[in-house]
Amino acid sequence: MKKILLVATSIVALSTVAGAGTESHNYIGGGLGWTVVRGNAKTADSSAIDLADNLNAQKGVKIGDEFVSGALFLGRKFVHGDSAWLIEAKAGKDLSDAKKDYTYSLPAGIFVAGPAAPYTTSVSLRRQYTLGLAVGYSKDVVKNISAYFKLSTLFSKFSLNYNTINYAAAPYEHYANTSKKSAFGVGATIGLAKKLQDFSVGLDYTFEMYQRIKQISAVQSQEFDGLMSHTSKITPQYHTVMLSVTKEI
C-alpha cells in the first residue's frame, strides 16, 4: 500500500512539474481563425484579332475576402526557466476564397453586327491547404501567461478560377478555367498564451505573404475566328486572428 501511494505521489508530482511548464515537452493542438486575404492582381484579356489584341492589358485589380480558417499544430518546446524556444509543424486550410469581379469591352466593329461586346469577368483564388514549419520563442510575462512569436516558411496549394461571360453575344459566350498552382511563402506570428495545467489557450495574429501566382488560359471564341486568352498574376497576403488550444504530450 505504501509503495502504491509513493508511486501515485510521484506521478502527481511529475504531472505538476510538467503542468508548470518547467520541462521541455512535445505538444499538439488546433485552432480556428478569422482570415482576411488581400491581393494585388494584374490581369490581361486579349484576342487574336488585331483591333482587340491586348484589349485589357495589365489591368490592376484588388482581390479580397474574409472567411474562417483552421489549422493543426505539432511541435516541441525547449524550456529554459521562464522562457522557451519552439519548433512547430502546421497544416492549415481556408474555408472560402478571394474573388474579384470586373468588366471590359471589345471595341465596336469587331463583330459582324458591330456593337461593342461587354464581358463580365471574375477572378478567384483559394488556398486549398498549407503546410508550414516554424521556429519561435516564448517568454512568461506574468504567472501562467506567456507572450510568443513565430517565423514560418510555408508551402501552399492554390486553386485559381477564371470565369467570363458575354451576354451580348447570341448565344452568349461563357468561358471558364480552373488551374492548380503551388507557391512558397513566409509568415510571422505574435500572440499570448494562457496555461491551464497541461493545456494552453492562445490568441495570436499572423501575417503571411506568397510569391506571385500566375494563371494562363486560352479558349476558342464562339463569336469570332480566334482565341480568347486570359492571364492573371496574383500576389496574395493573408491576415489571420486565431484562437488555439494545445496540449502537452
Protein backbone atom coordinates (compact mmCIF):
# COMPACT_ATOMS: atom_id res chain seq x y z
CA MET A 1 0.00 0.00 0.00
CA LYS A 2 2.82 2.38 0.87
CA LYS A 3 4.52 1.60 -2.44
CA ILE A 4 1.32 2.33 -4.38
CA LEU A 5 0.90 5.66 -2.56
CA LEU A 6 4.54 6.50 -3.24
CA VAL A 7 4.17 5.78 -6.97
CA ALA A 8 0.91 7.78 -7.14
CA THR A 9 2.52 10.70 -5.34
CA SER A 10 5.47 10.62 -7.72
CA ILE A 11 3.17 10.66 -10.78
CA VAL A 12 1.23 13.60 -9.37
CA ALA A 13 4.47 15.46 -8.66
CA LEU A 14 5.79 14.87 -12.17
CA SER A 15 2.48 15.94 -13.67
CA THR A 16 2.58 19.13 -11.63
CA VAL A 17 6.09 19.92 -12.85
CA ALA A 18 5.09 19.30 -16.45
CA GLY A 19 1.96 21.41 -15.98
CA ALA A 20 4.08 24.23 -14.68
CA GLY A 21 5.98 24.23 -17.94
CA THR A 22 9.43 23.74 -16.39
CA GLU A 23 10.40 20.83 -18.64
CA SER A 24 10.89 20.56 -22.37
CA HIS A 25 7.96 18.77 -23.97
CA ASN A 26 6.08 17.97 -27.17
CA TYR A 27 2.65 19.43 -27.85
CA ILE A 28 -0.28 19.02 -30.23
CA GLY A 29 -3.18 21.35 -30.91
CA GLY A 30 -5.56 23.08 -33.27
CA GLY A 31 -7.19 26.40 -33.87
CA LEU A 32 -9.91 28.34 -35.68
CA GLY A 33 -9.22 31.76 -37.11
CA TRP A 34 -10.74 34.67 -38.97
CA THR A 35 -8.74 35.36 -42.12
CA VAL A 36 -8.66 38.47 -44.28
CA VAL A 37 -6.96 37.96 -47.64
CA ARG A 38 -5.83 40.80 -49.87
CA GLY A 39 -4.01 40.52 -53.15
CA ASN A 40 -2.74 42.66 -55.99
CA ALA A 41 -3.77 41.08 -59.28
CA LYS A 42 -2.68 42.03 -62.78
CA THR A 43 -4.97 40.64 -65.46
CA ALA A 44 -4.80 40.69 -69.24
CA ASP A 45 -7.55 39.64 -71.66
CA SER A 46 -6.86 39.53 -75.39
CA SER A 47 -7.88 38.00 -78.70
CA ALA A 48 -6.21 37.04 -81.95
CA ILE A 49 -7.93 39.90 -83.80
CA ASP A 50 -5.70 42.91 -84.37
CA LEU A 51 -8.16 45.54 -83.14
CA ALA A 52 -8.93 43.56 -80.00
CA ASP A 53 -5.40 42.43 -79.28
CA ASN A 54 -4.24 43.18 -75.74
CA LEU A 55 -7.55 44.89 -75.07
CA ASN A 56 -7.32 44.70 -71.30
CA ALA A 57 -3.57 44.50 -70.79
CA GLN A 58 -2.17 44.60 -67.25
CA LYS A 59 -5.37 45.77 -65.63
CA GLY A 60 -4.68 46.22 -61.93
CA VAL A 61 -7.41 44.84 -59.68
CA LYS A 62 -7.63 44.07 -55.98
CA ILE A 63 -8.91 40.72 -54.78
CA GLY A 64 -10.06 40.21 -51.23
CA ASP A 65 -12.41 38.45 -48.85
CA GLU A 66 -12.89 37.42 -45.22
CA PHE A 67 -13.58 33.87 -44.03
CA VAL A 68 -12.97 31.18 -41.41
CA SER A 69 -9.74 29.16 -41.49
CA GLY A 70 -8.41 26.25 -39.46
CA ALA A 71 -5.06 24.74 -38.52
CA LEU A 72 -3.49 21.78 -36.71
CA PHE A 73 -0.15 22.02 -34.88
CA LEU A 74 2.54 19.60 -33.75
CA GLY A 75 5.65 20.91 -32.05
CA ARG A 76 8.25 20.78 -29.34
CA LYS A 77 9.19 23.35 -26.70
CA PHE A 78 12.70 23.60 -25.28
CA VAL A 79 12.13 25.23 -21.90
CA HIS A 80 14.78 27.32 -20.12
CA GLY A 81 13.42 28.78 -16.91
CA ASP A 82 10.64 31.25 -17.74
CA SER A 83 11.30 31.19 -21.49
CA ALA A 84 11.29 28.60 -24.25
CA TRP A 85 12.34 28.05 -27.84
CA LEU A 86 9.99 26.07 -30.05
CA ILE A 87 9.84 24.31 -33.39
CA GLU A 88 6.43 23.63 -34.91
CA ALA A 89 4.83 21.96 -37.94
CA LYS A 90 1.45 23.22 -39.15
CA ALA A 91 -1.26 22.07 -41.55
CA GLY A 92 -3.92 24.64 -42.43
CA LYS A 93 -6.98 25.07 -44.63
CA ASP A 94 -9.14 28.01 -45.74
CA LEU A 95 -12.92 27.57 -45.90
CA SER A 96 -13.58 30.12 -48.67
CA ASP A 97 -11.87 32.00 -51.49
CA ALA A 98 -10.99 35.55 -52.52
CA LYS A 99 -12.81 36.91 -55.54
CA LYS A 100 -12.84 39.97 -57.80
CA ASP A 101 -15.39 40.88 -60.49
CA TYR A 102 -14.68 43.37 -63.27
CA THR A 103 -15.87 44.19 -66.80
CA TYR A 104 -14.24 45.12 -70.10
CA SER A 105 -15.43 45.50 -73.69
CA LEU A 106 -14.23 44.60 -77.15
CA PRO A 107 -14.17 47.66 -79.43
CA ALA A 108 -17.19 48.37 -81.63
CA GLY A 109 -16.95 46.90 -85.14
CA ILE A 110 -15.19 43.70 -84.10
CA PHE A 111 -18.30 41.60 -84.60
CA VAL A 112 -20.33 41.46 -87.79
CA ALA A 113 -23.26 43.16 -86.05
CA GLY A 114 -20.97 45.96 -85.00
CA PRO A 115 -21.76 46.70 -81.31
CA ALA A 116 -19.23 46.74 -78.50
CA ALA A 117 -19.11 43.47 -76.58
CA PRO A 118 -19.15 43.79 -72.78
CA TYR A 119 -17.57 40.93 -70.84
CA THR A 120 -18.30 40.29 -67.16
CA THR A 121 -15.27 38.58 -65.64
CA SER A 122 -14.42 37.14 -62.24
CA VAL A 123 -11.06 36.00 -60.89
CA SER A 124 -10.89 33.98 -57.68
CA LEU A 125 -8.14 32.43 -55.60
CA ARG A 126 -8.50 29.73 -52.94
CA ARG A 127 -5.81 28.33 -50.66
CA GLN A 128 -6.70 24.64 -50.58
CA TYR A 129 -4.15 23.65 -47.95
CA THR A 130 -1.00 24.94 -46.30
CA LEU A 131 1.97 23.14 -44.80
CA GLY A 132 4.28 25.19 -42.60
CA LEU A 133 7.39 24.88 -40.46
CA ALA A 134 8.01 27.49 -37.77
CA VAL A 135 10.59 28.39 -35.16
CA GLY A 136 9.64 30.61 -32.27
CA TYR A 137 10.30 31.96 -28.81
CA SER A 138 8.05 32.42 -25.79
CA LYS A 139 8.55 34.32 -22.56
CA ASP A 140 6.46 34.39 -19.39
CA VAL A 141 5.09 37.88 -18.76
CA VAL A 142 3.01 37.11 -15.67
CA LYS A 143 2.16 33.87 -13.88
CA ASN A 144 0.79 31.28 -16.37
CA ILE A 145 0.67 33.82 -19.21
CA SER A 146 3.36 34.00 -21.89
CA ALA A 147 4.00 36.10 -24.98
CA TYR A 148 5.36 34.42 -28.09
CA PHE A 149 6.34 34.97 -31.68
CA LYS A 150 6.99 32.61 -34.59
CA LEU A 151 8.64 32.85 -38.00
CA SER A 152 7.36 30.40 -40.62
CA THR A 153 8.12 29.04 -44.06
CA LEU A 154 5.03 27.97 -45.99
CA PHE A 155 4.08 25.72 -48.88
CA SER A 156 0.51 26.02 -50.18
CA LYS A 157 -1.64 24.59 -52.95
CA PHE A 158 -3.90 27.17 -54.63
CA SER A 159 -6.92 26.88 -56.88
CA LEU A 160 -7.29 29.74 -59.40
CA ASN A 161 -10.59 30.24 -61.20
CA TYR A 162 -11.30 32.43 -64.21
CA ASN A 163 -14.84 32.97 -65.46
CA THR A 164 -16.11 35.40 -68.13
CA ILE A 165 -19.48 35.86 -69.82
CA ASN A 166 -20.52 37.98 -72.83
CA TYR A 167 -24.29 38.38 -72.63
CA ALA A 168 -24.35 40.48 -75.81
CA ALA A 169 -23.39 37.50 -77.99
CA ALA A 170 -26.10 35.24 -79.41
CA PRO A 171 -25.87 32.72 -77.92
CA TYR A 172 -23.90 34.35 -75.13
CA GLU A 173 -20.26 33.33 -74.69
CA HIS A 174 -19.15 31.70 -71.45
CA TYR A 175 -15.51 30.78 -70.75
CA ALA A 176 -14.21 29.22 -67.56
CA ASN A 177 -10.88 27.81 -66.47
CA THR A 178 -9.60 26.34 -63.21
CA SER A 179 -5.95 25.60 -62.53
CA LYS A 180 -3.96 24.34 -59.55
CA LYS A 181 -0.78 26.13 -58.55
CA SER A 182 1.77 25.67 -55.76
CA ALA A 183 3.56 28.56 -54.08
CA PHE A 184 6.01 29.22 -51.27
CA GLY A 185 5.56 31.91 -48.67
CA VAL A 186 6.70 33.26 -45.33
CA GLY A 187 4.79 34.19 -42.19
CA ALA A 188 5.17 35.94 -38.85
CA THR A 189 3.04 35.40 -35.72
CA ILE A 190 2.72 37.24 -32.40
CA GLY A 191 0.43 36.20 -29.55
CA LEU A 192 -0.38 35.47 -25.93
CA ALA A 193 -0.99 32.08 -24.29
CA LYS A 194 -2.68 31.18 -21.03
CA LYS A 195 -1.53 27.96 -19.35
CA LEU A 196 -4.10 25.67 -17.72
CA GLN A 197 -2.23 22.67 -16.29
CA ASP A 198 -1.05 20.75 -19.38
CA PHE A 199 -3.29 22.75 -21.76
CA SER A 200 -2.64 26.19 -23.23
CA VAL A 201 -5.13 28.59 -24.82
CA GLY A 202 -3.60 31.04 -27.27
CA LEU A 203 -4.74 34.10 -29.18
CA ASP A 204 -2.48 35.37 -31.94
CA TYR A 205 -2.16 37.38 -35.15
CA THR A 206 -0.38 36.02 -38.22
CA PHE A 207 0.71 37.77 -41.41
CA GLU A 208 1.57 35.60 -44.44
CA MET A 209 2.69 36.54 -47.92
CA TYR A 210 3.44 34.46 -51.02
CA GLN A 211 5.34 34.63 -54.25
CA ARG A 212 3.40 35.69 -57.35
CA ILE A 213 0.96 33.08 -58.68
CA LYS A 214 0.28 33.04 -62.43
CA GLN A 215 -2.60 31.58 -64.45
CA ILE A 216 -2.83 31.45 -68.25
CA SER A 217 -5.92 30.20 -70.10
CA ALA A 218 -6.94 30.23 -73.77
CA VAL A 219 -10.22 29.16 -75.39
CA GLN A 220 -11.65 29.25 -78.91
CA SER A 221 -14.11 32.12 -79.26
CA GLN A 222 -17.66 31.23 -80.32
CA GLU A 223 -18.29 34.72 -81.70
CA PHE A 224 -15.29 35.23 -83.98
CA ASP A 225 -12.49 33.21 -85.53
CA GLY A 226 -9.77 33.44 -82.94
CA LEU A 227 -8.63 32.65 -79.42
CA MET A 228 -9.68 34.47 -76.29
CA SER A 229 -6.87 34.37 -73.75
CA HIS A 230 -6.63 35.41 -70.13
CA THR A 231 -3.65 35.89 -67.82
CA SER A 232 -3.77 36.51 -64.07
CA LYS A 233 -0.80 37.33 -61.86
CA ILE A 234 -1.75 37.45 -58.18
CA THR A 235 0.38 38.21 -55.12
CA PRO A 236 -1.75 37.17 -52.10
CA GLN A 237 -1.34 38.31 -48.50
CA TYR A 238 -3.17 36.81 -45.52
CA HIS A 239 -4.02 38.34 -42.13
CA THR A 240 -5.36 35.87 -39.54
CA VAL A 241 -6.50 36.19 -35.94
CA MET A 242 -6.66 32.69 -34.42
CA LEU A 243 -7.83 31.15 -31.16
CA SER A 244 -5.99 27.89 -30.48
CA VAL A 245 -5.75 25.14 -27.88
CA THR A 246 -2.64 22.99 -27.39
CA LYS A 247 -1.91 20.08 -25.11
CA GLU A 248 1.40 18.77 -23.83
CA ILE A 249 2.08 15.16 -24.84
